[in-house]
Amino acid sequence: MQIRQAKNSDAAAIAVLSTEVWINTYLRNGINETFANYALKEFTKEKFEMVLMSTNETILVSENSNGIDGFIRLSTDKTCTSISASPCEITTLYVQPRHQSKHVGLHLLKAGIEHCLEQGHAQPWLAVNTENERAVKFYLRNGFIKDGQTYFEIEDGKYLNEILVLSPH
């Protein structure tokens, strides 16, 4: 496994991986039109090409001998309701389901935090769906603390998220 900065040529792989992980994580009881349309609109090669060109965004990928198996996306222009959080958000940390529990996520998280620190952002933050208990526990085990709540909104639906901030200790 190698962690490296994403290139423009990685955009398609990142889009497909995003679709796979998002559907596997959040759509466990079937796929309705609202969520299908969201996934098709949000997880495109073109959107990730735009992200990769942005000066406020960084994507680090985990690459094995066959291709990309995970990525972390960092956004440095985000505001958080937490007083202690920096403007650096861990926007996404996705690992292919078959590569989870192989420390890919941990290596990506550590590389992402290191990148934030190098950019002068001591306390990156993230929002994670409260029902994604596995992810919440992962972040809490790895130095994050709960610091509020927010919502992910899609059409008329609102889904509760925990705001987690890297502990200063």
Protein backbone atom coordinates (compact mmCIF):
# COMPACT_ATOMS: atom_id res chain seq x y z
CA MET A 1 0.00 0.00 0.00
CA GLN A 2 1.21 3.45 -0.94
CA ILE A 3 -0.34 6.77 0.17
CA ARG A 4 0.12 9.54 -2.37
CA GLN A 5 -1.49 12.75 -3.56
CA ALA A 6 -4.22 12.13 -6.10
CA LYS A 7 -3.67 13.02 -9.74
CA ASN A 8 -6.23 14.16 -12.28
CA SER A 9 -6.05 10.70 -13.87
CA ASP A 10 -7.39 9.26 -10.57
CA ALA A 11 -10.71 11.12 -10.84
CA ALA A 12 -12.68 8.26 -12.42
CA ALA A 13 -11.42 5.71 -9.88
CA ILE A 14 -12.23 8.07 -6.99
CA ALA A 15 -15.75 8.62 -8.38
CA VAL A 16 -16.45 4.89 -8.68
CA LEU A 17 -14.98 4.16 -5.24
CA SER A 18 -17.12 6.95 -3.76
CA THR A 19 -20.26 5.49 -5.29
CA GLU A 20 -19.43 2.00 -4.04
CA VAL A 21 -18.68 3.08 -0.46
CA TRP A 22 -21.56 5.55 -0.19
CA ILE A 23 -24.14 3.06 -1.42
CA ASN A 24 -22.70 0.25 0.72
CA THR A 25 -22.66 2.46 3.84
CA TYR A 26 -25.91 4.38 3.59
CA LEU A 27 -28.30 2.49 1.32
CA ARG A 28 -28.67 -0.81 3.13
CA ASN A 29 -32.41 -1.23 2.56
CA GLY A 30 -32.71 -0.52 -1.15
CA ILE A 31 -32.08 2.42 -3.44
CA ASN A 32 -34.82 4.96 -4.04
CA GLU A 33 -34.89 7.70 -6.68
CA THR A 34 -33.72 10.45 -4.32
CA PHE A 35 -30.56 8.63 -3.31
CA ALA A 36 -29.89 7.26 -6.80
CA ASN A 37 -30.06 10.77 -8.25
CA TYR A 38 -27.80 12.11 -5.48
CA ALA A 39 -25.14 9.45 -6.10
CA LEU A 40 -25.23 9.92 -9.88
CA LYS A 41 -24.94 13.71 -9.51
CA GLU A 42 -22.29 13.86 -6.77
CA PHE A 43 -19.88 11.07 -7.62
CA THR A 44 -18.72 11.89 -11.12
CA LYS A 45 -15.32 11.98 -12.74
CA GLU A 46 -15.91 15.62 -13.70
CA LYS A 47 -16.70 16.69 -10.12
CA PHE A 48 -13.55 15.04 -8.81
CA GLU A 49 -11.47 16.61 -11.57
CA MET A 50 -12.75 20.00 -10.36
CA VAL A 51 -11.90 19.10 -6.75
CA LEU A 52 -8.39 18.07 -7.77
CA MET A 53 -7.86 21.44 -9.48
CA SER A 54 -8.99 23.43 -6.43
CA THR A 55 -6.36 25.10 -4.27
CA ASN A 56 -8.59 24.54 -1.20
CA GLU A 57 -8.86 20.78 -1.66
CA THR A 58 -6.45 17.88 -1.27
CA ILE A 59 -7.11 14.22 -1.94
CA LEU A 60 -4.69 11.56 -0.78
CA VAL A 61 -5.21 8.05 -2.14
CA SER A 62 -4.23 4.62 -0.96
CA GLU A 63 -3.00 2.56 -3.85
CA ASN A 64 -2.31 -1.16 -3.92
CA SER A 65 -0.88 -3.20 -6.82
CA ASN A 66 -4.25 -3.16 -8.63
CA GLY A 67 -5.36 0.43 -8.07
CA ILE A 68 -6.93 2.82 -5.59
CA ASP A 69 -8.60 1.18 -2.59
CA GLY A 70 -9.29 4.28 -0.49
CA PHE A 71 -8.93 8.04 -0.22
CA ILE A 72 -9.16 10.96 2.16
CA ARG A 73 -10.38 14.37 1.02
CA LEU A 74 -9.37 17.50 2.94
CA SER A 75 -11.00 20.89 2.44
CA THR A 76 -9.33 23.97 3.90
CA ASP A 77 -12.07 26.51 3.34
CA LYS A 78 -14.76 25.06 5.60
CA THR A 79 -16.21 26.54 8.73
CA CYS A 80 -17.27 24.49 11.70
CA THR A 81 -19.57 25.39 14.57
CA SER A 82 -16.84 24.28 16.97
CA ILE A 83 -14.74 27.08 18.40
CA SER A 84 -11.65 24.88 18.61
CA ALA A 85 -11.77 23.44 15.08
CA SER A 86 -9.54 24.71 12.30
CA PRO A 87 -10.93 25.54 8.85
CA CYS A 88 -9.65 22.14 7.65
CA GLU A 89 -12.40 19.56 7.24
CA ILE A 90 -11.87 15.90 6.59
CA THR A 91 -14.63 15.94 4.02
CA THR A 92 -14.41 12.26 3.10
CA LEU A 93 -12.56 9.14 4.16
CA TYR A 94 -13.64 6.18 2.06
CA VAL A 95 -12.14 2.71 1.85
CA GLN A 96 -13.49 -0.03 -0.39
CA PRO A 97 -15.50 -2.43 1.78
CA ARG A 98 -13.27 -5.43 0.93
CA HIS A 99 -10.20 -3.44 2.09
CA GLN A 100 -11.69 -2.25 5.36
CA SER A 101 -10.15 -3.75 8.51
CA LYS A 102 -6.76 -3.81 6.76
CA HIS A 103 -5.62 -0.47 8.28
CA VAL A 104 -6.09 1.41 4.98
CA GLY A 105 -8.38 3.92 6.69
CA LEU A 106 -5.97 4.38 9.57
CA HIS A 107 -3.03 5.05 7.23
CA LEU A 108 -5.13 7.53 5.24
CA LEU A 109 -6.33 9.27 8.42
CA LYS A 110 -2.78 9.62 9.74
CA ALA A 111 -1.55 10.97 6.38
CA GLY A 112 -4.50 13.39 6.26
CA ILE A 113 -3.86 14.68 9.78
CA GLU A 114 -0.16 15.08 8.98
CA HIS A 115 -1.08 17.07 5.87
CA CYS A 116 -3.38 19.31 7.93
CA LEU A 117 -0.65 19.93 10.51
CA GLU A 118 1.88 20.76 7.76
CA GLN A 119 -0.60 23.35 6.47
CA GLY A 120 -0.93 24.90 9.94
CA HIS A 121 -4.32 23.36 10.79
CA ALA A 122 -3.90 21.84 14.25
CA GLN A 123 -7.47 20.66 14.78
CA PRO A 124 -9.14 19.29 11.67
CA TRP A 125 -12.78 18.32 12.01
CA LEU A 126 -15.36 16.17 10.28
CA ALA A 127 -19.03 15.33 10.30
CA VAL A 128 -20.10 11.68 10.36
CA ASN A 129 -23.58 10.18 10.26
CA THR A 130 -24.60 9.13 13.77
CA GLU A 131 -25.91 5.82 12.43
CA ASN A 132 -22.47 5.00 11.02
CA GLU A 133 -21.38 3.66 14.41
CA ARG A 134 -18.31 1.92 13.01
CA ALA A 135 -16.95 5.21 11.64
CA VAL A 136 -17.79 7.16 14.81
CA LYS A 137 -15.92 4.59 16.93
CA PHE A 138 -12.97 4.63 14.50
CA TYR A 139 -12.54 8.40 14.81
CA LEU A 140 -13.01 8.40 18.59
CA ARG A 141 -10.33 5.68 18.92
CA ASN A 142 -7.99 7.79 16.81
CA GLY A 143 -7.92 11.07 18.70
CA PHE A 144 -11.19 12.79 17.80
CA ILE A 145 -13.74 14.05 20.29
CA LYS A 146 -17.43 14.83 19.89
CA ASP A 147 -18.03 18.54 19.58
CA GLY A 148 -21.57 19.07 18.38
CA GLN A 149 -24.06 17.97 15.78
CA THR A 150 -25.22 18.98 12.35
CA TYR A 151 -27.39 17.55 9.60
CA PHE A 152 -26.83 16.11 6.15
CA GLU A 153 -29.78 17.26 4.08
CA ILE A 154 -31.02 15.70 0.88
CA GLU A 155 -34.29 16.92 -0.62
CA ASP A 156 -36.76 16.82 2.29
CA GLY A 157 -34.69 14.48 4.48
CA LYS A 158 -32.39 15.44 7.33
CA TYR A 159 -29.87 12.99 8.79
CA LEU A 160 -28.09 13.65 12.07
CA ASN A 161 -24.29 13.89 11.99
CA GLU A 162 -21.80 14.09 14.84
CA ILE A 163 -19.18 16.82 14.55
CA LEU A 164 -15.84 15.41 15.63
CA VAL A 165 -12.69 17.50 16.18
CA LEU A 166 -9.15 16.24 16.59
CA SER A 167 -8.31 16.52 20.27
CA PRO A 168 -5.47 18.93 21.06
CA HIS A 169 -3.87 16.35 23.40
